[in-house]
Amino acid sequence: MITINIVRDKSGFIWQYIVEGHAGFAQAGKDIVCSAVSTVAYTGINALDELVGIKSYGIEDGYMICSVPTDLSPELKEKVSIILETIVVGFKQLQLTYEDYVLVIDEEV
């Protein structure tokens, strides 16, 4: 199963998402669930890089973390929020469609 942790601050701002595990829906290279989750996760990383200039992520086999700085200007924070909230919509839709393979944990810290 793929677990996606969405980490929010007390105001609800997403400052990090972590994607861990493998779906196990099909064999490697043919797993559409893994591919879909990866596409959403990489879209977040690439959008943050290309649209707001934030490059803060780590990737290993079966693990991805994307974090944003805590000292963003209000204007930049709004742009980042739109990007990350959109990514969460994608992750949650995948969870609804593939509930045995994807778990989204959306939490405030």
PDB file of N, CA and C in Angstrom:
ATOM      1  N   MET A   1       0.839  -1.185   0.000  1.00  0.00           N
ATOM      2  CA  MET A   1       0.000   0.000   0.000  1.00  0.00           C
ATOM      3  C   MET A   1       0.882   1.245   0.000  1.00  0.00           C
ATOM      4  N   ILE A   2       0.405   2.270  -0.693  1.00  0.00           N
ATOM      5  CA  ILE A   2       1.074   3.566  -0.681  1.00  0.00           C
ATOM      6  C   ILE A   2       0.388   4.438   0.365  1.00  0.00           C
ATOM      7  N   THR A   3       1.188   5.008   1.262  1.00  0.00           N
ATOM      8  CA  THR A   3       0.675   5.927   2.273  1.00  0.00           C
ATOM      9  C   THR A   3       1.166   7.328   1.940  1.00  0.00           C
ATOM     10  N   ILE A   4       0.248   8.267   1.936  1.00  0.00           N
ATOM     11  CA  ILE A   4       0.574   9.663   1.649  1.00  0.00           C
ATOM     12  C   ILE A   4       0.217  10.482   2.882  1.00  0.00           C
ATOM     13  N   ASN A   5       1.215  11.097   3.481  1.00  0.00           N
ATOM     14  CA  ASN A   5       1.010  11.949   4.657  1.00  0.00           C
ATOM     15  C   ASN A   5       1.050  13.408   4.224  1.00  0.00           C
ATOM     16  N   ILE A   6      -0.036  14.101   4.468  1.00  0.00           N
ATOM     17  CA  ILE A   6      -0.116  15.537   4.212  1.00  0.00           C
ATOM     18  C   ILE A   6       0.041  16.218   5.567  1.00  0.00           C
ATOM     19  N   VAL A   7       1.048  17.075   5.697  1.00  0.00           N
ATOM     20  CA  VAL A   7       1.338  17.708   6.983  1.00  0.00           C
ATOM     21  C   VAL A   7       1.004  19.198   6.886  1.00  0.00           C
ATOM     22  N   ARG A   8       0.103  19.629   7.755  1.00  0.00           N
ATOM     23  CA  ARG A   8      -0.358  21.022   7.779  1.00  0.00           C
ATOM     24  C   ARG A   8       0.040  21.693   9.094  1.00  0.00           C
ATOM     25  N   ASP A   9       0.196  23.009   9.041  1.00  0.00           N
ATOM     26  CA  ASP A   9       0.398  23.739  10.292  1.00  0.00           C
ATOM     27  C   ASP A   9      -0.975  24.076  10.890  1.00  0.00           C
ATOM     28  N   LYS A  10      -0.984  24.794  11.986  1.00  0.00           N
ATOM     29  CA  LYS A  10      -2.242  25.081  12.695  1.00  0.00           C
ATOM     30  C   LYS A  10      -3.215  25.933  11.874  1.00  0.00           C
ATOM     31  N   SER A  11      -2.692  26.670  10.907  1.00  0.00           N
ATOM     32  CA  SER A  11      -3.564  27.486  10.052  1.00  0.00           C
ATOM     33  C   SER A  11      -4.134  26.688   8.882  1.00  0.00           C
ATOM     34  N   GLY A  12      -3.671  25.438   8.724  1.00  0.00           N
ATOM     35  CA  GLY A  12      -4.140  24.599   7.624  1.00  0.00           C
ATOM     36  C   GLY A  12      -3.223  24.603   6.416  1.00  0.00           C
ATOM     37  N   PHE A  13      -2.155  25.403   6.470  1.00  0.00           N
ATOM     38  CA  PHE A  13      -1.208  25.468   5.354  1.00  0.00           C
ATOM     39  C   PHE A  13      -0.412  24.167   5.260  1.00  0.00           C
ATOM     40  N   ILE A  14      -0.331  23.615   4.062  1.00  0.00           N
ATOM     41  CA  ILE A  14       0.434  22.384   3.834  1.00  0.00           C
ATOM     42  C   ILE A  14       1.904  22.751   3.694  1.00  0.00           C
ATOM     43  N   TRP A  15       2.725  22.226   4.560  1.00  0.00           N
ATOM     44  CA  TRP A  15       4.153  22.510   4.441  1.00  0.00           C
ATOM     45  C   TRP A  15       4.961  21.280   4.047  1.00  0.00           C
ATOM     46  N   GLN A  16       4.299  20.127   3.962  1.00  0.00           N
ATOM     47  CA  GLN A  16       5.048  18.921   3.589  1.00  0.00           C
ATOM     48  C   GLN A  16       4.086  17.821   3.147  1.00  0.00           C
ATOM     49  N   TYR A  17       4.538  17.029   2.160  1.00  0.00           N
ATOM     50  CA  TYR A  17       3.847  15.773   1.891  1.00  0.00           C
ATOM     51  C   TYR A  17       4.886  14.678   1.712  1.00  0.00           C
ATOM     52  N   ILE A  18       4.527  13.497   2.200  1.00  0.00           N
ATOM     53  CA  ILE A  18       5.420  12.343   2.172  1.00  0.00           C
ATOM     54  C   ILE A  18       4.658  11.189   1.531  1.00  0.00           C
ATOM     55  N   VAL A  19       5.268  10.570   0.545  1.00  0.00           N
ATOM     56  CA  VAL A  19       4.677   9.423  -0.145  1.00  0.00           C
ATOM     57  C   VAL A  19       5.583   8.228   0.122  1.00  0.00           C
ATOM     58  N   GLU A  20       5.011   7.153   0.689  1.00  0.00           N
ATOM     59  CA  GLU A  20       5.804   5.976   1.052  1.00  0.00           C
ATOM     60  C   GLU A  20       5.130   4.698   0.590  1.00  0.00           C
ATOM     61  N   GLY A  21       5.956   3.743   0.174  1.00  0.00           N
ATOM     62  CA  GLY A  21       5.466   2.403  -0.113  1.00  0.00           C
ATOM     63  C   GLY A  21       5.254   2.130  -1.584  1.00  0.00           C
ATOM     64  N   HIS A  22       4.735   0.954  -1.843  1.00  0.00           N
ATOM     65  CA  HIS A  22       4.429   0.497  -3.196  1.00  0.00           C
ATOM     66  C   HIS A  22       2.990   0.006  -3.208  1.00  0.00           C
ATOM     67  N   ALA A  23       2.288   0.256  -4.290  1.00  0.00           N
ATOM     68  CA  ALA A  23       0.866  -0.091  -4.358  1.00  0.00           C
ATOM     69  C   ALA A  23       0.637  -1.600  -4.355  1.00  0.00           C
ATOM     70  N   GLY A  24       1.431  -2.340  -5.109  1.00  0.00           N
ATOM     71  CA  GLY A  24       1.205  -3.778  -5.216  1.00  0.00           C
ATOM     72  C   GLY A  24      -0.021  -4.117  -6.049  1.00  0.00           C
ATOM     73  N   PHE A  25      -0.473  -3.182  -6.863  1.00  0.00           N
ATOM     74  CA  PHE A  25      -1.630  -3.403  -7.729  1.00  0.00           C
ATOM     75  C   PHE A  25      -1.276  -4.337  -8.881  1.00  0.00           C
ATOM     76  N   ALA A  26      -0.059  -4.202  -9.384  1.00  0.00           N
ATOM     77  CA  ALA A  26       0.439  -5.036 -10.487  1.00  0.00           C
ATOM     78  C   ALA A  26       1.956  -5.091 -10.372  1.00  0.00           C
ATOM     79  N   GLN A  27       2.578  -5.877 -11.231  1.00  0.00           N
ATOM     80  CA  GLN A  27       4.034  -5.990 -11.179  1.00  0.00           C
ATOM     81  C   GLN A  27       4.691  -4.660 -11.558  1.00  0.00           C
ATOM     82  N   ALA A  28       5.915  -4.482 -11.097  1.00  0.00           N
ATOM     83  CA  ALA A  28       6.665  -3.256 -11.372  1.00  0.00           C
ATOM     84  C   ALA A  28       6.685  -2.986 -12.873  1.00  0.00           C
ATOM     85  N   GLY A  29       6.488  -1.737 -13.228  1.00  0.00           N
ATOM     86  CA  GLY A  29       6.454  -1.350 -14.628  1.00  0.00           C
ATOM     87  C   GLY A  29       5.066  -1.411 -15.244  1.00  0.00           C
ATOM     88  N   LYS A  30       4.145  -2.082 -14.566  1.00  0.00           N
ATOM     89  CA  LYS A  30       2.773  -2.200 -15.075  1.00  0.00           C
ATOM     90  C   LYS A  30       1.738  -1.758 -14.037  1.00  0.00           C
ATOM     91  N   ASP A  31       2.206  -1.180 -12.961  1.00  0.00           N
ATOM     92  CA  ASP A  31       1.336  -0.808 -11.848  1.00  0.00           C
ATOM     93  C   ASP A  31       0.761   0.592 -12.082  1.00  0.00           C
ATOM     94  N   ILE A  32      -0.495   0.652 -12.524  1.00  0.00           N
ATOM     95  CA  ILE A  32      -1.102   1.946 -12.838  1.00  0.00           C
ATOM     96  C   ILE A  32      -1.358   2.789 -11.591  1.00  0.00           C
ATOM     97  N   VAL A  33      -1.549   2.155 -10.452  1.00  0.00           N
ATOM     98  CA  VAL A  33      -1.771   2.909  -9.215  1.00  0.00           C
ATOM     99  C   VAL A  33      -0.483   3.617  -8.813  1.00  0.00           C
ATOM    100  N   CYS A  34       0.611   2.898  -8.841  1.00  0.00           N
ATOM    101  CA  CYS A  34       1.915   3.500  -8.525  1.00  0.00           C
ATOM    102  C   CYS A  34       2.222   4.636  -9.500  1.00  0.00           C
ATOM    103  N   SER A  35       1.942   4.395 -10.758  1.00  0.00           N
ATOM    104  CA  SER A  35       2.181   5.410 -11.777  1.00  0.00           C
ATOM    105  C   SER A  35       1.340   6.661 -11.530  1.00  0.00           C
ATOM    106  N   ALA A  36       0.084   6.469 -11.179  1.00  0.00           N
ATOM    107  CA  ALA A  36      -0.804   7.609 -10.932  1.00  0.00           C
ATOM    108  C   ALA A  36      -0.354   8.419  -9.719  1.00  0.00           C
ATOM    109  N   VAL A  37      -0.020   7.731  -8.635  1.00  0.00           N
ATOM    110  CA  VAL A  37       0.449   8.428  -7.428  1.00  0.00           C
ATOM    111  C   VAL A  37       1.750   9.170  -7.729  1.00  0.00           C
ATOM    112  N   SER A  38       2.656   8.521  -8.436  1.00  0.00           N
ATOM    113  CA  SER A  38       3.926   9.162  -8.792  1.00  0.00           C
ATOM    114  C   SER A  38       3.699  10.405  -9.640  1.00  0.00           C
ATOM    115  N   THR A  39       2.768  10.324 -10.570  1.00  0.00           N
ATOM    116  CA  THR A  39       2.477  11.470 -11.429  1.00  0.00           C
ATOM    117  C   THR A  39       1.988  12.657 -10.613  1.00  0.00           C
ATOM    118  N   VAL A  40       1.077  12.421  -9.691  1.00  0.00           N
ATOM    119  CA  VAL A  40       0.574  13.508  -8.843  1.00  0.00           C
ATOM    120  C   VAL A  40       1.705  14.067  -7.976  1.00  0.00           C
ATOM    121  N   ALA A  41       2.487  13.183  -7.366  1.00  0.00           N
ATOM    122  CA  ALA A  41       3.577  13.618  -6.487  1.00  0.00           C
ATOM    123  C   ALA A  41       4.627  14.431  -7.246  1.00  0.00           C
ATOM    124  N   TYR A  42       5.010  13.958  -8.427  1.00  0.00           N
ATOM    125  CA  TYR A  42       5.995  14.687  -9.232  1.00  0.00           C
ATOM    126  C   TYR A  42       5.428  15.999  -9.768  1.00  0.00           C
ATOM    127  N   THR A  43       4.140  16.031 -10.044  1.00  0.00           N
ATOM    128  CA  THR A  43       3.517  17.275 -10.485  1.00  0.00           C
ATOM    129  C   THR A  43       3.662  18.340  -9.401  1.00  0.00           C
ATOM    130  N   GLY A  44       3.480  17.961  -8.154  1.00  0.00           N
ATOM    131  CA  GLY A  44       3.669  18.904  -7.055  1.00  0.00           C
ATOM    132  C   GLY A  44       5.084  19.436  -6.991  1.00  0.00           C
ATOM    133  N   ILE A  45       6.050  18.532  -7.054  1.00  0.00           N
ATOM    134  CA  ILE A  45       7.459  18.935  -7.007  1.00  0.00           C
ATOM    135  C   ILE A  45       7.809  19.842  -8.179  1.00  0.00           C
ATOM    136  N   ASN A  46       7.400  19.442  -9.380  1.00  0.00           N
ATOM    137  CA  ASN A  46       7.730  20.228 -10.571  1.00  0.00           C
ATOM    138  C   ASN A  46       7.022  21.580 -10.587  1.00  0.00           C
ATOM    139  N   ALA A  47       5.771  21.625 -10.135  1.00  0.00           N
ATOM    140  CA  ALA A  47       5.048  22.898 -10.089  1.00  0.00           C
ATOM    141  C   ALA A  47       5.698  23.858  -9.093  1.00  0.00           C
ATOM    142  N   LEU A  48       6.077  23.350  -7.926  1.00  0.00           N
ATOM    143  CA  LEU A  48       6.757  24.207  -6.950  1.00  0.00           C
ATOM    144  C   LEU A  48       8.059  24.757  -7.521  1.00  0.00           C
ATOM    145  N   ASP A  49       8.791  23.933  -8.229  1.00  0.00           N
ATOM    146  CA  ASP A  49      10.054  24.357  -8.831  1.00  0.00           C
ATOM    147  C   ASP A  49       9.819  25.388  -9.942  1.00  0.00           C
ATOM    148  N   GLU A  50       8.990  25.034 -10.907  1.00  0.00           N
ATOM    149  CA  GLU A  50       8.823  25.877 -12.091  1.00  0.00           C
ATOM    150  C   GLU A  50       7.993  27.138 -11.849  1.00  0.00           C
ATOM    151  N   LEU A  51       7.008  27.067 -10.967  1.00  0.00           N
ATOM    152  CA  LEU A  51       6.109  28.209 -10.786  1.00  0.00           C
ATOM    153  C   LEU A  51       6.512  29.146  -9.653  1.00  0.00           C
ATOM    154  N   VAL A  52       7.156  28.624  -8.616  1.00  0.00           N
ATOM    155  CA  VAL A  52       7.523  29.485  -7.483  1.00  0.00           C
ATOM    156  C   VAL A  52       8.990  29.362  -7.068  1.00  0.00           C
ATOM    157  N   GLY A  53       9.762  28.531  -7.753  1.00  0.00           N
ATOM    158  CA  GLY A  53      11.195  28.444  -7.491  1.00  0.00           C
ATOM    159  C   GLY A  53      11.597  27.700  -6.234  1.00  0.00           C
ATOM    160  N   ILE A  54      10.732  26.831  -5.730  1.00  0.00           N
ATOM    161  CA  ILE A  54      11.059  26.054  -4.529  1.00  0.00           C
ATOM    162  C   ILE A  54      11.523  24.665  -4.938  1.00  0.00           C
ATOM    163  N   LYS A  55      12.743  24.316  -4.511  1.00  0.00           N
ATOM    164  CA  LYS A  55      13.299  22.986  -4.774  1.00  0.00           C
ATOM    165  C   LYS A  55      13.679  22.380  -3.432  1.00  0.00           C
ATOM    166  N   SER A  56      12.760  21.670  -2.843  1.00  0.00           N
ATOM    167  CA  SER A  56      13.012  21.092  -1.525  1.00  0.00           C
ATOM    168  C   SER A  56      12.332  19.736  -1.440  1.00  0.00           C
ATOM    169  N   TYR A  57      13.044  18.719  -1.909  1.00  0.00           N
ATOM    170  CA  TYR A  57      12.457  17.385  -1.936  1.00  0.00           C
ATOM    171  C   TYR A  57      13.541  16.324  -1.858  1.00  0.00           C
ATOM    172  N   GLY A  58      13.121  15.110  -1.536  1.00  0.00           N
ATOM    173  CA  GLY A  58      14.004  13.951  -1.521  1.00  0.00           C
ATOM    174  C   GLY A  58      13.264  12.769  -2.121  1.00  0.00           C
ATOM    175  N   ILE A  59      13.979  11.975  -2.899  1.00  0.00           N
ATOM    176  CA  ILE A  59      13.357  10.834  -3.574  1.00  0.00           C
ATOM    177  C   ILE A  59      14.263   9.619  -3.456  1.00  0.00           C
ATOM    178  N   GLU A  60      13.675   8.515  -3.033  1.00  0.00           N
ATOM    179  CA  GLU A  60      14.334   7.211  -3.007  1.00  0.00           C
ATOM    180  C   GLU A  60      13.310   6.189  -3.479  1.00  0.00           C
ATOM    181  N   ASP A  61      13.712   4.953  -3.649  1.00  0.00           N
ATOM    182  CA  ASP A  61      12.777   3.910  -4.062  1.00  0.00           C
ATOM    183  C   ASP A  61      11.670   3.765  -3.023  1.00  0.00           C
ATOM    184  N   GLY A  62      10.451   3.983  -3.442  1.00  0.00           N
ATOM    185  CA  GLY A  62       9.319   3.832  -2.537  1.00  0.00           C
ATOM    186  C   GLY A  62       9.161   4.944  -1.523  1.00  0.00           C
ATOM    187  N   TYR A  63       9.833   6.079  -1.744  1.00  0.00           N
ATOM    188  CA  TYR A  63       9.762   7.176  -0.771  1.00  0.00           C
ATOM    189  C   TYR A  63       9.990   8.519  -1.464  1.00  0.00           C
ATOM    190  N   MET A  64       9.132   9.473  -1.165  1.00  0.00           N
ATOM    191  CA  MET A  64       9.306  10.834  -1.656  1.00  0.00           C
ATOM    192  C   MET A  64       8.847  11.788  -0.559  1.00  0.00           C
ATOM    193  N   ILE A  65       9.620  12.840  -0.359  1.00  0.00           N
ATOM    194  CA  ILE A  65       9.230  13.887   0.585  1.00  0.00           C
ATOM    195  C   ILE A  65       9.370  15.228  -0.122  1.00  0.00           C
ATOM    196  N   CYS A  66       8.381  16.071   0.069  1.00  0.00           N
ATOM    197  CA  CYS A  66       8.403  17.417  -0.484  1.00  0.00           C
ATOM    198  C   CYS A  66       8.053  18.374   0.650  1.00  0.00           C
ATOM    199  N   SER A  67       8.938  19.311   0.915  1.00  0.00           N
ATOM    200  CA  SER A  67       8.735  20.278   1.995  1.00  0.00           C
ATOM    201  C   SER A  67       8.865  21.687   1.440  1.00  0.00           C
ATOM    202  N   VAL A  68       8.181  22.625   2.065  1.00  0.00           N
ATOM    203  CA  VAL A  68       8.324  24.022   1.666  1.00  0.00           C
ATOM    204  C   VAL A  68       8.867  24.813   2.851  1.00  0.00           C
ATOM    205  N   PRO A  69       9.619  25.874   2.577  1.00  0.00           N
ATOM    206  CA  PRO A  69      10.156  26.695   3.665  1.00  0.00           C
ATOM    207  C   PRO A  69       9.029  27.318   4.491  1.00  0.00           C
ATOM    208  N   THR A  70       9.328  27.617   5.733  1.00  0.00           N
ATOM    209  CA  THR A  70       8.319  28.205   6.620  1.00  0.00           C
ATOM    210  C   THR A  70       8.316  29.733   6.572  1.00  0.00           C
ATOM    211  N   ASP A  71       9.292  30.325   5.899  1.00  0.00           N
ATOM    212  CA  ASP A  71       9.421  31.790   5.884  1.00  0.00           C
ATOM    213  C   ASP A  71       8.988  32.410   4.551  1.00  0.00           C
ATOM    214  N   LEU A  72       7.894  31.924   3.987  1.00  0.00           N
ATOM    215  CA  LEU A  72       7.423  32.427   2.699  1.00  0.00           C
ATOM    216  C   LEU A  72       6.697  33.762   2.854  1.00  0.00           C
ATOM    217  N   SER A  73       6.816  34.600   1.838  1.00  0.00           N
ATOM    218  CA  SER A  73       6.030  35.838   1.814  1.00  0.00           C
ATOM    219  C   SER A  73       4.554  35.462   1.662  1.00  0.00           C
ATOM    220  N   PRO A  74       3.645  36.338   2.075  1.00  0.00           N
ATOM    221  CA  PRO A  74       2.215  36.025   1.932  1.00  0.00           C
ATOM    222  C   PRO A  74       1.816  35.703   0.485  1.00  0.00           C
ATOM    223  N   GLU A  75       2.375  36.431  -0.473  1.00  0.00           N
ATOM    224  CA  GLU A  75       2.049  36.188  -1.887  1.00  0.00           C
ATOM    225  C   GLU A  75       2.530  34.808  -2.335  1.00  0.00           C
ATOM    226  N   LEU A  76       3.754  34.465  -1.973  1.00  0.00           N
ATOM    227  CA  LEU A  76       4.305  33.164  -2.342  1.00  0.00           C
ATOM    228  C   LEU A  76       3.574  32.037  -1.615  1.00  0.00           C
ATOM    229  N   LYS A  77       3.232  32.274  -0.365  1.00  0.00           N
ATOM    230  CA  LYS A  77       2.515  31.267   0.419  1.00  0.00           C
ATOM    231  C   LYS A  77       1.163  30.943  -0.224  1.00  0.00           C
ATOM    232  N   GLU A  78       0.493  31.952  -0.756  1.00  0.00           N
ATOM    233  CA  GLU A  78      -0.793  31.732  -1.422  1.00  0.00           C
ATOM    234  C   GLU A  78      -0.619  30.865  -2.672  1.00  0.00           C
ATOM    235  N   LYS A  79       0.409  31.140  -3.455  1.00  0.00           N
ATOM    236  CA  LYS A  79       0.672  30.339  -4.657  1.00  0.00           C
ATOM    237  C   LYS A  79       1.007  28.896  -4.293  1.00  0.00           C
ATOM    238  N   VAL A  80       1.854  28.734  -3.296  1.00  0.00           N
ATOM    239  CA  VAL A  80       2.233  27.391  -2.845  1.00  0.00           C
ATOM    240  C   VAL A  80       1.002  26.640  -2.353  1.00  0.00           C
ATOM    241  N   SER A  81       0.150  27.323  -1.621  1.00  0.00           N
ATOM    242  CA  SER A  81      -1.059  26.698  -1.090  1.00  0.00           C
ATOM    243  C   SER A  81      -1.960  26.183  -2.208  1.00  0.00           C
ATOM    244  N   ILE A  82      -2.133  26.963  -3.255  1.00  0.00           N
ATOM    245  CA  ILE A  82      -2.961  26.527  -4.386  1.00  0.00           C
ATOM    246  C   ILE A  82      -2.371  25.281  -5.029  1.00  0.00           C
ATOM    247  N   ILE A  83      -1.067  25.274  -5.231  1.00  0.00           N
ATOM    248  CA  ILE A  83      -0.408  24.104  -5.828  1.00  0.00           C
ATOM    249  C   ILE A  83      -0.612  22.875  -4.951  1.00  0.00           C
ATOM    250  N   LEU A  84      -0.320  22.999  -3.668  1.00  0.00           N
ATOM    251  CA  LEU A  84      -0.370  21.827  -2.790  1.00  0.00           C
ATOM    252  C   LEU A  84      -1.795  21.358  -2.508  1.00  0.00           C
ATOM    253  N   GLU A  85      -2.743  22.267  -2.399  1.00  0.00           N
ATOM    254  CA  GLU A  85      -4.137  21.843  -2.214  1.00  0.00           C
ATOM    255  C   GLU A  85      -4.626  21.081  -3.449  1.00  0.00           C
ATOM    256  N   THR A  86      -4.170  21.482  -4.625  1.00  0.00           N
ATOM    257  CA  THR A  86      -4.524  20.767  -5.853  1.00  0.00           C
ATOM    258  C   THR A  86      -3.950  19.360  -5.844  1.00  0.00           C
ATOM    259  N   ILE A  87      -2.722  19.216  -5.382  1.00  0.00           N
ATOM    260  CA  ILE A  87      -2.089  17.899  -5.286  1.00  0.00           C
ATOM    261  C   ILE A  87      -2.875  17.011  -4.319  1.00  0.00           C
ATOM    262  N   VAL A  88      -3.317  17.576  -3.213  1.00  0.00           N
ATOM    263  CA  VAL A  88      -4.097  16.803  -2.235  1.00  0.00           C
ATOM    264  C   VAL A  88      -5.399  16.301  -2.864  1.00  0.00           C
ATOM    265  N   VAL A  89      -6.049  17.134  -3.668  1.00  0.00           N
ATOM    266  CA  VAL A  89      -7.263  16.689  -4.363  1.00  0.00           C
ATOM    267  C   VAL A  89      -6.949  15.464  -5.219  1.00  0.00           C
ATOM    268  N   GLY A  90      -5.841  15.508  -5.939  1.00  0.00           N
ATOM    269  CA  GLY A  90      -5.440  14.364  -6.761  1.00  0.00           C
ATOM    270  C   GLY A  90      -5.182  13.117  -5.942  1.00  0.00           C
ATOM    271  N   PHE A  91      -4.446  13.262  -4.844  1.00  0.00           N
ATOM    272  CA  PHE A  91      -4.171  12.107  -3.978  1.00  0.00           C
ATOM    273  C   PHE A  91      -5.463  11.519  -3.408  1.00  0.00           C
ATOM    274  N   LYS A  92      -6.360  12.383  -2.954  1.00  0.00           N
ATOM    275  CA  LYS A  92      -7.610  11.892  -2.351  1.00  0.00           C
ATOM    276  C   LYS A  92      -8.506  11.212  -3.383  1.00  0.00           C
ATOM    277  N   GLN A  93      -8.485  11.687  -4.614  1.00  0.00           N
ATOM    278  CA  GLN A  93      -9.255  11.030  -5.665  1.00  0.00           C
ATOM    279  C   GLN A  93      -8.699   9.634  -5.934  1.00  0.00           C
ATOM    280  N   LEU A  94      -7.393   9.497  -5.929  1.00  0.00           N
ATOM    281  CA  LEU A  94      -6.777   8.174  -6.105  1.00  0.00           C
ATOM    282  C   LEU A  94      -7.144   7.249  -4.952  1.00  0.00           C
ATOM    283  N   GLN A  95      -7.194   7.797  -3.732  1.00  0.00           N
ATOM    284  CA  GLN A  95      -7.600   6.984  -2.589  1.00  0.00           C
ATOM    285  C   GLN A  95      -9.039   6.486  -2.761  1.00  0.00           C
ATOM    286  N   LEU A  96      -9.930   7.338  -3.236  1.00  0.00           N
ATOM    287  CA  LEU A  96     -11.321   6.929  -3.454  1.00  0.00           C
ATOM    288  C   LEU A  96     -11.429   5.825  -4.507  1.00  0.00           C
ATOM    289  N   THR A  97     -10.632   5.938  -5.545  1.00  0.00           N
ATOM    290  CA  THR A  97     -10.693   4.978  -6.642  1.00  0.00           C
ATOM    291  C   THR A  97      -9.981   3.672  -6.311  1.00  0.00           C
ATOM    292  N   TYR A  98      -8.873   3.760  -5.587  1.00  0.00           N
ATOM    293  CA  TYR A  98      -8.036   2.588  -5.284  1.00  0.00           C
ATOM    294  C   TYR A  98      -7.832   2.466  -3.778  1.00  0.00           C
ATOM    295  N   GLU A  99      -8.923   2.382  -3.031  1.00  0.00           N
ATOM    296  CA  GLU A  99      -8.856   2.424  -1.568  1.00  0.00           C
ATOM    297  C   GLU A  99      -8.057   1.287  -0.946  1.00  0.00           C
ATOM    298  N   ASP A 100      -7.902   0.176  -1.636  1.00  0.00           N
ATOM    299  CA  ASP A 100      -7.099  -0.930  -1.102  1.00  0.00           C
ATOM    300  C   ASP A 100      -5.605  -0.726  -1.325  1.00  0.00           C
ATOM    301  N   TYR A 101      -5.249   0.315  -2.085  1.00  0.00           N
ATOM    302  CA  TYR A 101      -3.856   0.507  -2.474  1.00  0.00           C
ATOM    303  C   TYR A 101      -3.280   1.868  -2.090  1.00  0.00           C
ATOM    304  N   VAL A 102      -4.141   2.830  -1.765  1.00  0.00           N
ATOM    305  CA  VAL A 102      -3.695   4.193  -1.460  1.00  0.00           C
ATOM    306  C   VAL A 102      -4.389   4.678  -0.188  1.00  0.00           C
ATOM    307  N   LEU A 103      -3.595   5.193   0.754  1.00  0.00           N
ATOM    308  CA  LEU A 103      -4.125   5.774   1.985  1.00  0.00           C
ATOM    309  C   LEU A 103      -3.581   7.192   2.122  1.00  0.00           C
ATOM    310  N   VAL A 104      -4.475   8.157   2.255  1.00  0.00           N
ATOM    311  CA  VAL A 104      -4.078   9.548   2.465  1.00  0.00           C
ATOM    312  C   VAL A 104      -4.367   9.913   3.917  1.00  0.00           C
ATOM    313  N   ILE A 105      -3.340  10.390   4.601  1.00  0.00           N
ATOM    314  CA  ILE A 105      -3.473  10.868   5.975  1.00  0.00           C
ATOM    315  C   ILE A 105      -3.219  12.372   5.932  1.00  0.00           C
ATOM    316  N   ASP A 106      -4.255  13.139   6.197  1.00  0.00           N
ATOM    317  CA  ASP A 106      -4.188  14.596   6.119  1.00  0.00           C
ATOM    318  C   ASP A 106      -4.279  15.115   7.548  1.00  0.00           C
ATOM    319  N   GLU A 107      -3.141  15.594   8.086  1.00  0.00           N
ATOM    320  CA  GLU A 107      -3.110  15.929   9.507  1.00  0.00           C
ATOM    321  C   GLU A 107      -2.500  17.286   9.800  1.00  0.00           C
ATOM    322  N   GLU A 108      -2.944  17.857  10.897  1.00  0.00           N
ATOM    323  CA  GLU A 108      -2.400  19.110  11.401  1.00  0.00           C
ATOM    324  C   GLU A 108      -1.395  18.788  12.498  1.00  0.00           C
ATOM    325  N   VAL A 109      -0.267  19.492  12.484  1.00  0.00           N
ATOM    326  CA  VAL A 109       0.731  19.282  13.542  1.00  0.00           C
ATOM    327  C   VAL A 109       0.901  20.531  14.375  1.00  0.00           C
TER     328      VAL A 109
END
